[in-house]
PDB file of N, CA and C in Angstrom:
ATOM      1  N   MET A   1     206.389  17.745 187.630  1.00  0.00           N
ATOM      2  CA  MET A   1     205.606  18.955 187.560  1.00  0.00           C
ATOM      3  C   MET A   1     206.442  19.996 186.813  1.00  0.00           C
ATOM      4  N   SER A   2     205.823  20.694 185.853  1.00  0.00           N
ATOM      5  CA  SER A   2     206.574  21.670 185.082  1.00  0.00           C
ATOM      6  C   SER A   2     206.898  22.901 185.915  1.00  0.00           C
ATOM      7  N   LYS A   3     207.921  23.600 185.487  1.00  0.00           N
ATOM      8  CA  LYS A   3     208.353  24.812 186.188  1.00  0.00           C
ATOM      9  C   LYS A   3     207.253  25.862 186.188  1.00  0.00           C
ATOM     10  N   HIS A   4     206.541  26.005 185.061  1.00  0.00           N
ATOM     11  CA  HIS A   4     205.467  27.004 184.956  1.00  0.00           C
ATOM     12  C   HIS A   4     204.313  26.675 185.897  1.00  0.00           C
ATOM     13  N   LEU A   5     203.973  25.410 185.981  1.00  0.00           N
ATOM     14  CA  LEU A   5     202.886  24.996 186.857  1.00  0.00           C
ATOM     15  C   LEU A   5     203.264  25.201 188.315  1.00  0.00           C
ATOM     16  N   LEU A   6     204.507  24.936 188.667  1.00  0.00           N
ATOM     17  CA  LEU A   6     204.994  25.164 190.024  1.00  0.00           C
ATOM     18  C   LEU A   6     204.928  26.651 190.378  1.00  0.00           C
ATOM     19  N   ILE A   7     205.303  27.502 189.442  1.00  0.00           N
ATOM     20  CA  ILE A   7     205.223  28.959 189.663  1.00  0.00           C
ATOM     21  C   ILE A   7     203.771  29.374 189.846  1.00  0.00           C
ATOM     22  N   LEU A   8     202.865  28.853 189.013  1.00  0.00           N
ATOM     23  CA  LEU A   8     201.445  29.178 189.116  1.00  0.00           C
ATOM     24  C   LEU A   8     200.894  28.757 190.468  1.00  0.00           C
ATOM     25  N   TYR A   9     201.223  27.558 190.928  1.00  0.00           N
ATOM     26  CA  TYR A   9     200.767  27.104 192.241  1.00  0.00           C
ATOM     27  C   TYR A   9     201.315  27.986 193.355  1.00  0.00           C
ATOM     28  N   SER A  10     202.579  28.382 193.240  1.00  0.00           N
ATOM     29  CA  SER A  10     203.192  29.244 194.259  1.00  0.00           C
ATOM     30  C   SER A  10     202.507  30.596 194.317  1.00  0.00           C
ATOM     31  N   LEU A  11     202.226  31.183 193.160  1.00  0.00           N
ATOM     32  CA  LEU A  11     201.534  32.472 193.115  1.00  0.00           C
ATOM     33  C   LEU A  11     200.124  32.360 193.691  1.00  0.00           C
ATOM     34  N   THR A  12     199.441  31.279 193.360  1.00  0.00           N
ATOM     35  CA  THR A  12     198.091  31.066 193.867  1.00  0.00           C
ATOM     36  C   THR A  12     198.101  30.929 195.381  1.00  0.00           C
ATOM     37  N   LEU A  13     199.018  30.143 195.907  1.00  0.00           N
ATOM     38  CA  LEU A  13     199.115  29.959 197.344  1.00  0.00           C
ATOM     39  C   LEU A  13     199.439  31.277 198.040  1.00  0.00           C
ATOM     40  N   GLY A  14     200.366  32.034 197.483  1.00  0.00           N
ATOM     41  CA  GLY A  14     200.711  33.338 198.051  1.00  0.00           C
ATOM     42  C   GLY A  14     199.524  34.272 198.076  1.00  0.00           C
ATOM     43  N   SER A  15     198.731  34.284 197.003  1.00  0.00           N
ATOM     44  CA  SER A  15     197.536  35.132 196.951  1.00  0.00           C
ATOM     45  C   SER A  15     196.519  34.718 198.003  1.00  0.00           C
ATOM     46  N   LEU A  16     196.348  33.426 198.183  1.00  0.00           N
ATOM     47  CA  LEU A  16     195.394  32.938 199.182  1.00  0.00           C
ATOM     48  C   LEU A  16     195.822  33.318 200.585  1.00  0.00           C
ATOM     49  N   ILE A  17     197.106  33.234 200.851  1.00  0.00           N
ATOM     50  CA  ILE A  17     197.613  33.604 202.178  1.00  0.00           C
ATOM     51  C   ILE A  17     197.390  35.083 202.434  1.00  0.00           C
ATOM     52  N   ILE A  18     197.692  35.919 201.460  1.00  0.00           N
ATOM     53  CA  ILE A  18     197.543  37.371 201.618  1.00  0.00           C
ATOM     54  C   ILE A  18     196.081  37.759 201.755  1.00  0.00           C
ATOM     55  N   THR A  19     195.195  37.212 200.910  1.00  0.00           N
ATOM     56  CA  THR A  19     193.785  37.606 200.955  1.00  0.00           C
ATOM     57  C   THR A  19     193.056  36.999 202.142  1.00  0.00           C
ATOM     58  N   GLY A  20     193.611  36.008 202.785  1.00  0.00           N
ATOM     59  CA  GLY A  20     192.964  35.382 203.933  1.00  0.00           C
ATOM     60  C   GLY A  20     193.187  36.117 205.240  1.00  0.00           C
ATOM     61  N   CYS A  21     193.818  37.263 205.213  1.00  0.00           N
ATOM     62  CA  CYS A  21     194.177  37.975 206.435  1.00  0.00           C
ATOM     63  C   CYS A  21     193.251  39.157 206.711  1.00  0.00           C
ATOM     64  N   SER A  22     191.991  39.048 206.401  1.00  0.00           N
ATOM     65  CA  SER A  22     191.068  40.143 206.688  1.00  0.00           C
ATOM     66  C   SER A  22     190.178  39.763 207.864  1.00  0.00           C
ATOM     67  N   THR A  23     189.609  40.771 208.494  1.00  0.00           N
ATOM     68  CA  THR A  23     188.738  40.506 209.629  1.00  0.00           C
ATOM     69  C   THR A  23     187.314  40.289 209.153  1.00  0.00           C
ATOM     70  N   LYS A  24     186.617  39.397 209.808  1.00  0.00           N
ATOM     71  CA  LYS A  24     185.234  39.093 209.439  1.00  0.00           C
ATOM     72  C   LYS A  24     184.274  40.204 209.861  1.00  0.00           C
ATOM     73  N   ASN A  25     184.652  41.027 210.828  1.00  0.00           N
ATOM     74  CA  ASN A  25     183.775  42.065 211.343  1.00  0.00           C
ATOM     75  C   ASN A  25     183.969  43.403 210.648  1.00  0.00           C
ATOM     76  N   ASP A  26     184.658  43.434 209.535  1.00  0.00           N
ATOM     77  CA  ASP A  26     184.912  44.678 208.813  1.00  0.00           C
ATOM     78  C   ASP A  26     183.631  45.121 208.107  1.00  0.00           C
ATOM     79  N   THR A  27     183.059  46.252 208.516  1.00  0.00           N
ATOM     80  CA  THR A  27     181.809  46.733 207.927  1.00  0.00           C
ATOM     81  C   THR A  27     182.057  47.746 206.816  1.00  0.00           C
ATOM     82  N   SER A  28     183.299  48.044 206.492  1.00  0.00           N
ATOM     83  CA  SER A  28     183.587  49.018 205.442  1.00  0.00           C
ATOM     84  C   SER A  28     183.176  48.506 204.065  1.00  0.00           C
ATOM     85  N   HIS A  29     182.867  47.221 203.934  1.00  0.00           N
ATOM     86  CA  HIS A  29     182.476  46.652 202.646  1.00  0.00           C
ATOM     87  C   HIS A  29     180.982  46.787 202.373  1.00  0.00           C
ATOM     88  N   GLU A  30     180.225  47.272 203.331  1.00  0.00           N
ATOM     89  CA  GLU A  30     178.793  47.434 203.123  1.00  0.00           C
ATOM     90  C   GLU A  30     178.551  48.469 202.032  1.00  0.00           C
ATOM     91  N   ASN A  31     177.609  48.180 201.162  1.00  0.00           N
ATOM     92  CA  ASN A  31     177.206  49.060 200.064  1.00  0.00           C
ATOM     93  C   ASN A  31     178.291  49.247 199.008  1.00  0.00           C
ATOM     94  N   GLY A  32     179.322  48.441 199.034  1.00  0.00           N
ATOM     95  CA  GLY A  32     180.372  48.505 198.024  1.00  0.00           C
ATOM     96  C   GLY A  32     180.140  47.431 196.965  1.00  0.00           C
ATOM     97  N   TYR A  33     181.045  47.369 196.009  1.00  0.00           N
ATOM     98  CA  TYR A  33     180.928  46.409 194.919  1.00  0.00           C
ATOM     99  C   TYR A  33     181.773  45.176 195.198  1.00  0.00           C
ATOM    100  N   THR A  34     181.127  44.011 195.138  1.00  0.00           N
ATOM    101  CA  THR A  34     181.778  42.725 195.344  1.00  0.00           C
ATOM    102  C   THR A  34     181.505  41.842 194.135  1.00  0.00           C
ATOM    103  N   TYR A  35     182.525  41.149 193.660  1.00  0.00           N
ATOM    104  CA  TYR A  35     182.378  40.218 192.546  1.00  0.00           C
ATOM    105  C   TYR A  35     183.198  38.979 192.866  1.00  0.00           C
ATOM    106  N   HIS A  36     182.618  37.808 192.711  1.00  0.00           N
ATOM    107  CA  HIS A  36     183.260  36.540 193.087  1.00  0.00           C
ATOM    108  C   HIS A  36     183.793  36.595 194.515  1.00  0.00           C
ATOM    109  N   ALA A  37     183.007  37.184 195.402  1.00  0.00           N
ATOM    110  CA  ALA A  37     183.328  37.308 196.828  1.00  0.00           C
ATOM    111  C   ALA A  37     184.589  38.144 197.087  1.00  0.00           C
ATOM    112  N   ILE A  38     184.948  38.996 196.135  1.00  0.00           N
ATOM    113  CA  ILE A  38     186.097  39.891 196.284  1.00  0.00           C
ATOM    114  C   ILE A  38     185.555  41.316 196.313  1.00  0.00           C
ATOM    115  N   TYR A  39     185.933  42.054 197.343  1.00  0.00           N
ATOM    116  CA  TYR A  39     185.474  43.439 197.495  1.00  0.00           C
ATOM    117  C   TYR A  39     186.352  44.373 196.660  1.00  0.00           C
ATOM    118  N   PHE A  40     185.698  45.263 195.892  1.00  0.00           N
ATOM    119  CA  PHE A  40     186.417  46.175 195.013  1.00  0.00           C
ATOM    120  C   PHE A  40     186.275  47.650 195.389  1.00  0.00           C
ATOM    121  N   GLY A  41     185.362  47.990 196.261  1.00  0.00           N
ATOM    122  CA  GLY A  41     185.250  49.389 196.667  1.00  0.00           C
ATOM    123  C   GLY A  41     183.856  49.956 196.463  1.00  0.00           C
ATOM    124  N   GLN A  42     183.734  51.236 196.775  1.00  0.00           N
ATOM    125  CA  GLN A  42     182.458  51.939 196.679  1.00  0.00           C
ATOM    126  C   GLN A  42     182.536  53.024 195.621  1.00  0.00           C
ATOM    127  N   GLY A  43     181.375  53.460 195.153  1.00  0.00           N
ATOM    128  CA  GLY A  43     181.285  54.583 194.236  1.00  0.00           C
ATOM    129  C   GLY A  43     181.859  54.315 192.858  1.00  0.00           C
ATOM    130  N   LEU A  44     181.779  53.078 192.396  1.00  0.00           N
ATOM    131  CA  LEU A  44     182.344  52.711 191.101  1.00  0.00           C
ATOM    132  C   LEU A  44     181.302  52.902 190.001  1.00  0.00           C
ATOM    133  N   SER A  45     181.744  53.407 188.860  1.00  0.00           N
ATOM    134  CA  SER A  45     180.832  53.591 187.729  1.00  0.00           C
ATOM    135  C   SER A  45     180.461  52.232 187.136  1.00  0.00           C
ATOM    136  N   SER A  46     179.421  52.215 186.323  1.00  0.00           N
ATOM    137  CA  SER A  46     179.011  50.962 185.680  1.00  0.00           C
ATOM    138  C   SER A  46     180.101  50.466 184.726  1.00  0.00           C
ATOM    139  N   ASP A  47     180.817  51.377 184.065  1.00  0.00           N
ATOM    140  CA  ASP A  47     181.925  50.971 183.188  1.00  0.00           C
ATOM    141  C   ASP A  47     183.052  50.328 183.991  1.00  0.00           C
ATOM    142  N   PHE A  48     183.356  50.897 185.150  1.00  0.00           N
ATOM    143  CA  PHE A  48     184.403  50.335 186.013  1.00  0.00           C
ATOM    144  C   PHE A  48     184.005  48.932 186.459  1.00  0.00           C
ATOM    145  N   LYS A  49     182.737  48.763 186.867  1.00  0.00           N
ATOM    146  CA  LYS A  49     182.256  47.453 187.308  1.00  0.00           C
ATOM    147  C   LYS A  49     182.311  46.433 186.176  1.00  0.00           C
ATOM    148  N   GLN A  50     181.933  46.854 184.960  1.00  0.00           N
ATOM    149  CA  GLN A  50     181.996  45.929 183.818  1.00  0.00           C
ATOM    150  C   GLN A  50     183.447  45.545 183.527  1.00  0.00           C
ATOM    151  N   GLY A  51     184.353  46.504 183.652  1.00  0.00           N
ATOM    152  CA  GLY A  51     185.775  46.202 183.487  1.00  0.00           C
ATOM    153  C   GLY A  51     186.256  45.197 184.522  1.00  0.00           C
ATOM    154  N   ILE A  52     185.803  45.355 185.771  1.00  0.00           N
ATOM    155  CA  ILE A  52     186.153  44.404 186.832  1.00  0.00           C
ATOM    156  C   ILE A  52     185.665  43.006 186.465  1.00  0.00           C
ATOM    157  N   ARG A  53     184.401  42.901 186.055  1.00  0.00           N
ATOM    158  CA  ARG A  53     183.852  41.586 185.700  1.00  0.00           C
ATOM    159  C   ARG A  53     184.638  40.942 184.561  1.00  0.00           C
ATOM    160  N   ASP A  54     184.910  41.730 183.513  1.00  0.00           N
ATOM    161  CA  ASP A  54     185.635  41.180 182.361  1.00  0.00           C
ATOM    162  C   ASP A  54     187.075  40.818 182.725  1.00  0.00           C
ATOM    163  N   GLY A  55     187.737  41.662 183.493  1.00  0.00           N
ATOM    164  CA  GLY A  55     189.100  41.367 183.925  1.00  0.00           C
ATOM    165  C   GLY A  55     189.164  40.146 184.816  1.00  0.00           C
ATOM    166  N   CYS A  56     188.167  40.017 185.677  1.00  0.00           N
ATOM    167  CA  CYS A  56     188.111  38.871 186.582  1.00  0.00           C
ATOM    168  C   CYS A  56     187.903  37.572 185.797  1.00  0.00           C
ATOM    169  N   GLU A  57     187.014  37.603 184.828  1.00  0.00           N
ATOM    170  CA  GLU A  57     186.788  36.408 184.010  1.00  0.00           C
ATOM    171  C   GLU A  57     188.050  36.050 183.233  1.00  0.00           C
ATOM    172  N   THR A  58     188.778  37.064 182.768  1.00  0.00           N
ATOM    173  CA  THR A  58     190.045  36.819 182.078  1.00  0.00           C
ATOM    174  C   THR A  58     191.038  36.149 183.018  1.00  0.00           C
ATOM    175  N   ALA A  59     191.119  36.637 184.253  1.00  0.00           N
ATOM    176  CA  ALA A  59     192.032  36.042 185.236  1.00  0.00           C
ATOM    177  C   ALA A  59     191.663  34.603 185.541  1.00  0.00           C
ATOM    178  N   ARG A  60     190.378  34.279 185.447  1.00  0.00           N
ATOM    179  CA  ARG A  60     189.912  32.921 185.706  1.00  0.00           C
ATOM    180  C   ARG A  60     190.171  31.995 184.518  1.00  0.00           C
ATOM    181  N   GLY A  61     190.678  32.546 183.412  1.00  0.00           N
ATOM    182  CA  GLY A  61     191.014  31.723 182.254  1.00  0.00           C
ATOM    183  C   GLY A  61     190.043  31.846 181.104  1.00  0.00           C
ATOM    184  N   ILE A  62     189.063  32.738 181.204  1.00  0.00           N
ATOM    185  CA  ILE A  62     188.073  32.939 180.148  1.00  0.00           C
ATOM    186  C   ILE A  62     188.278  34.363 179.615  1.00  0.00           C
ATOM    187  N   TYR A  63     189.110  34.507 178.579  1.00  0.00           N
ATOM    188  CA  TYR A  63     189.475  35.836 178.086  1.00  0.00           C
ATOM    189  C   TYR A  63     188.218  36.624 177.722  1.00  0.00           C
ATOM    190  N   THR A  64     188.042  37.746 178.396  1.00  0.00           N
ATOM    191  CA  THR A  64     186.877  38.604 178.203  1.00  0.00           C
ATOM    192  C   THR A  64     187.344  40.049 178.221  1.00  0.00           C
ATOM    193  N   LYS A  65     187.110  40.750 177.111  1.00  0.00           N
ATOM    194  CA  LYS A  65     187.483  42.170 177.052  1.00  0.00           C
ATOM    195  C   LYS A  65     186.757  42.832 175.894  1.00  0.00           C
ATOM    196  N   SER A  66     186.167  43.993 176.159  1.00  0.00           N
ATOM    197  CA  SER A  66     185.639  44.831 175.097  1.00  0.00           C
ATOM    198  C   SER A  66     186.788  45.735 174.658  1.00  0.00           C
ATOM    199  N   HIS A  67     187.381  45.448 173.522  1.00  0.00           N
ATOM    200  CA  HIS A  67     188.548  46.210 173.078  1.00  0.00           C
ATOM    201  C   HIS A  67     188.192  47.675 172.829  1.00  0.00           C
ATOM    202  N   LYS A  68     187.001  47.927 172.336  1.00  0.00           N
ATOM    203  CA  LYS A  68     186.568  49.312 172.100  1.00  0.00           C
ATOM    204  C   LYS A  68     186.500  50.076 173.423  1.00  0.00           C
ATOM    205  N   ARG A  69     185.862  49.485 174.421  1.00  0.00           N
ATOM    206  CA  ARG A  69     185.769  50.143 175.724  1.00  0.00           C
ATOM    207  C   ARG A  69     187.138  50.235 176.389  1.00  0.00           C
ATOM    208  N   PHE A  70     187.950  49.186 176.280  1.00  0.00           N
ATOM    209  CA  PHE A  70     189.279  49.165 176.875  1.00  0.00           C
ATOM    210  C   PHE A  70     190.137  50.314 176.325  1.00  0.00           C
ATOM    211  N   ASN A  71     190.031  50.565 175.034  1.00  0.00           N
ATOM    212  CA  ASN A  71     190.844  51.596 174.388  1.00  0.00           C
ATOM    213  C   ASN A  71     190.265  53.008 174.519  1.00  0.00           C
ATOM    214  N   ASN A  72     188.986  53.131 174.873  1.00  0.00           N
ATOM    215  CA  ASN A  72     188.339  54.444 174.863  1.00  0.00           C
ATOM    216  C   ASN A  72     187.702  54.873 176.175  1.00  0.00           C
ATOM    217  N   ASN A  73     187.704  54.015 177.178  1.00  0.00           N
ATOM    218  CA  ASN A  73     187.017  54.350 178.423  1.00  0.00           C
ATOM    219  C   ASN A  73     187.949  54.047 179.594  1.00  0.00           C
ATOM    220  N   ILE A  74     188.411  55.079 180.257  1.00  0.00           N
ATOM    221  CA  ILE A  74     189.397  54.920 181.332  1.00  0.00           C
ATOM    222  C   ILE A  74     188.836  54.120 182.512  1.00  0.00           C
ATOM    223  N   ASP A  75     187.542  54.262 182.817  1.00  0.00           N
ATOM    224  CA  ASP A  75     186.961  53.477 183.913  1.00  0.00           C
ATOM    225  C   ASP A  75     186.969  51.993 183.587  1.00  0.00           C
ATOM    226  N   TYR A  76     186.570  51.639 182.371  1.00  0.00           N
ATOM    227  CA  TYR A  76     186.583  50.232 181.969  1.00  0.00           C
ATOM    228  C   TYR A  76     188.017  49.701 182.000  1.00  0.00           C
ATOM    229  N   TYR A  77     188.946  50.457 181.444  1.00  0.00           N
ATOM    230  CA  TYR A  77     190.364  50.095 181.402  1.00  0.00           C
ATOM    231  C   TYR A  77     190.905  49.816 182.809  1.00  0.00           C
ATOM    232  N   ASN A  78     190.700  50.755 183.729  1.00  0.00           N
ATOM    233  CA  ASN A  78     191.186  50.583 185.103  1.00  0.00           C
ATOM    234  C   ASN A  78     190.475  49.434 185.813  1.00  0.00           C
ATOM    235  N   GLY A  79     189.176  49.293 185.601  1.00  0.00           N
ATOM    236  CA  GLY A  79     188.419  48.196 186.194  1.00  0.00           C
ATOM    237  C   GLY A  79     188.888  46.845 185.683  1.00  0.00           C
ATOM    238  N   TRP A  80     189.197  46.760 184.370  1.00  0.00           N
ATOM    239  CA  TRP A  80     189.657  45.495 183.793  1.00  0.00           C
ATOM    240  C   TRP A  80     190.962  45.049 184.452  1.00  0.00           C
ATOM    241  N   PHE A  81     191.915  45.961 184.600  1.00  0.00           N
ATOM    242  CA  PHE A  81     193.185  45.599 185.227  1.00  0.00           C
ATOM    243  C   PHE A  81     193.004  45.254 186.706  1.00  0.00           C
ATOM    244  N   LEU A  82     192.154  46.010 187.404  1.00  0.00           N
ATOM    245  CA  LEU A  82     191.910  45.710 188.815  1.00  0.00           C
ATOM    246  C   LEU A  82     191.276  44.329 188.962  1.00  0.00           C
ATOM    247  N   GLY A  83     190.264  44.047 188.155  1.00  0.00           N
ATOM    248  CA  GLY A  83     189.615  42.735 188.203  1.00  0.00           C
ATOM    249  C   GLY A  83     190.570  41.613 187.873  1.00  0.00           C
ATOM    250  N   ARG A  84     191.382  41.800 186.843  1.00  0.00           N
ATOM    251  CA  ARG A  84     192.334  40.759 186.464  1.00  0.00           C
ATOM    252  C   ARG A  84     193.337  40.494 187.587  1.00  0.00           C
ATOM    253  N   ASN A  85     193.814  41.548 188.209  1.00  0.00           N
ATOM    254  CA  ASN A  85     194.825  41.381 189.261  1.00  0.00           C
ATOM    255  C   ASN A  85     194.246  40.796 190.546  1.00  0.00           C
ATOM    256  N   LYS A  86     193.071  41.234 190.955  1.00  0.00           N
ATOM    257  CA  LYS A  86     192.512  40.749 192.220  1.00  0.00           C
ATOM    258  C   LYS A  86     191.886  39.360 192.097  1.00  0.00           C
ATOM    259  N   CYS A  87     191.609  38.911 190.883  1.00  0.00           N
ATOM    260  CA  CYS A  87     190.959  37.604 190.693  1.00  0.00           C
ATOM    261  C   CYS A  87     191.931  36.516 190.254  1.00  0.00           C
ATOM    262  N   ARG A  88     193.199  36.805 190.183  1.00  0.00           N
ATOM    263  CA  ARG A  88     194.169  35.800 189.705  1.00  0.00           C
ATOM    264  C   ARG A  88     194.120  34.506 190.499  1.00  0.00           C
ATOM    265  N   HIS A  89     193.837  34.603 191.782  1.00  0.00           N
ATOM    266  CA  HIS A  89     193.815  33.386 192.607  1.00  0.00           C
ATOM    267  C   HIS A  89     192.631  32.473 192.270  1.00  0.00           C
ATOM    268  N   LEU A  90     191.693  32.939 191.452  1.00  0.00           N
ATOM    269  CA  LEU A  90     190.538  32.128 191.082  1.00  0.00           C
ATOM    270  C   LEU A  90     190.840  31.163 189.929  1.00  0.00           C
ATOM    271  N   LEU A  91     192.006  31.323 189.302  1.00  0.00           N
ATOM    272  CA  LEU A  91     192.388  30.428 188.214  1.00  0.00           C
ATOM    273  C   LEU A  91     192.636  29.035 188.775  1.00  0.00           C
ATOM    274  N   LYS A  92     191.983  28.055 188.214  1.00  0.00           N
ATOM    275  CA  LYS A  92     192.120  26.669 188.659  1.00  0.00           C
ATOM    276  C   LYS A  92     192.558  25.804 187.474  1.00  0.00           C
ATOM    277  N   VAL A  93     193.618  25.050 187.693  1.00  0.00           N
ATOM    278  CA  VAL A  93     194.095  24.114 186.669  1.00  0.00           C
ATOM    279  C   VAL A  93     194.278  22.745 187.299  1.00  0.00           C
ATOM    280  N   ASP A  94     194.110  21.713 186.470  1.00  0.00           N
ATOM    281  CA  ASP A  94     194.302  20.363 186.994  1.00  0.00           C
ATOM    282  C   ASP A  94     195.768  19.960 186.882  1.00  0.00           C
ATOM    283  N   GLU A  95     196.088  18.725 187.250  1.00  0.00           N
ATOM    284  CA  GLU A  95     197.472  18.266 187.275  1.00  0.00           C
ATOM    285  C   GLU A  95     198.111  18.229 185.885  1.00  0.00           C
ATOM    286  N   ASN A  96     197.294  18.266 184.831  1.00  0.00           N
ATOM    287  CA  ASN A  96     197.803  18.289 183.464  1.00  0.00           C
ATOM    288  C   ASN A  96     197.986  19.719 182.947  1.00  0.00           C
ATOM    289  N   GLY A  97     197.615  20.689 183.755  1.00  0.00           N
ATOM    290  CA  GLY A  97     197.712  22.087 183.347  1.00  0.00           C
ATOM    291  C   GLY A  97     196.500  22.585 182.601  1.00  0.00           C
ATOM    292  N   ASP A  98     195.419  21.774 182.567  1.00  0.00           N
ATOM    293  CA  ASP A  98     194.198  22.166 181.868  1.00  0.00           C
ATOM    294  C   ASP A  98     193.315  23.004 182.788  1.00  0.00           C
ATOM    295  N   LEU A  99     192.643  23.975 182.209  1.00  0.00           N
ATOM    296  CA  LEU A  99     191.764  24.878 182.942  1.00  0.00           C
ATOM    297  C   LEU A  99     190.559  24.136 183.504  1.00  0.00           C
ATOM    298  N   ILE A 100     190.251  24.413 184.784  1.00  0.00           N
ATOM    299  CA  ILE A 100     189.062  23.871 185.419  1.00  0.00           C
ATOM    300  C   ILE A 100     188.057  25.012 185.552  1.00  0.00           C
ATOM    301  N   LEU A 101     186.925  24.876 184.895  1.00  0.00           N
ATOM    302  CA  LEU A 101     185.892  25.926 184.946  1.00  0.00           C
ATOM    303  C   LEU A 101     184.862  25.614 185.983  1.00  0.00           C
TER     304      LEU A 101
END
């Protein structure tokens, strides 16, 4: 197993352990924005939500970014980074290191 793949597996496992520590009865997520079963918060603009979606897809291995919006819209920019960071554990690769979609 390559060193990079071992690091990726370790990061993925660590993310799963950390994100698995929430309570099922938490009602603070009602009426908030959720994408790929990940809660992102309430009161987000449409640009922020689009940034989350694009950042999340990028984290999953499908590079997605509106460069114009990223460079000119702070909500999209912040949403893209938040989505990319919170969705990293969704990246799936096989034993050869190839992306699983």
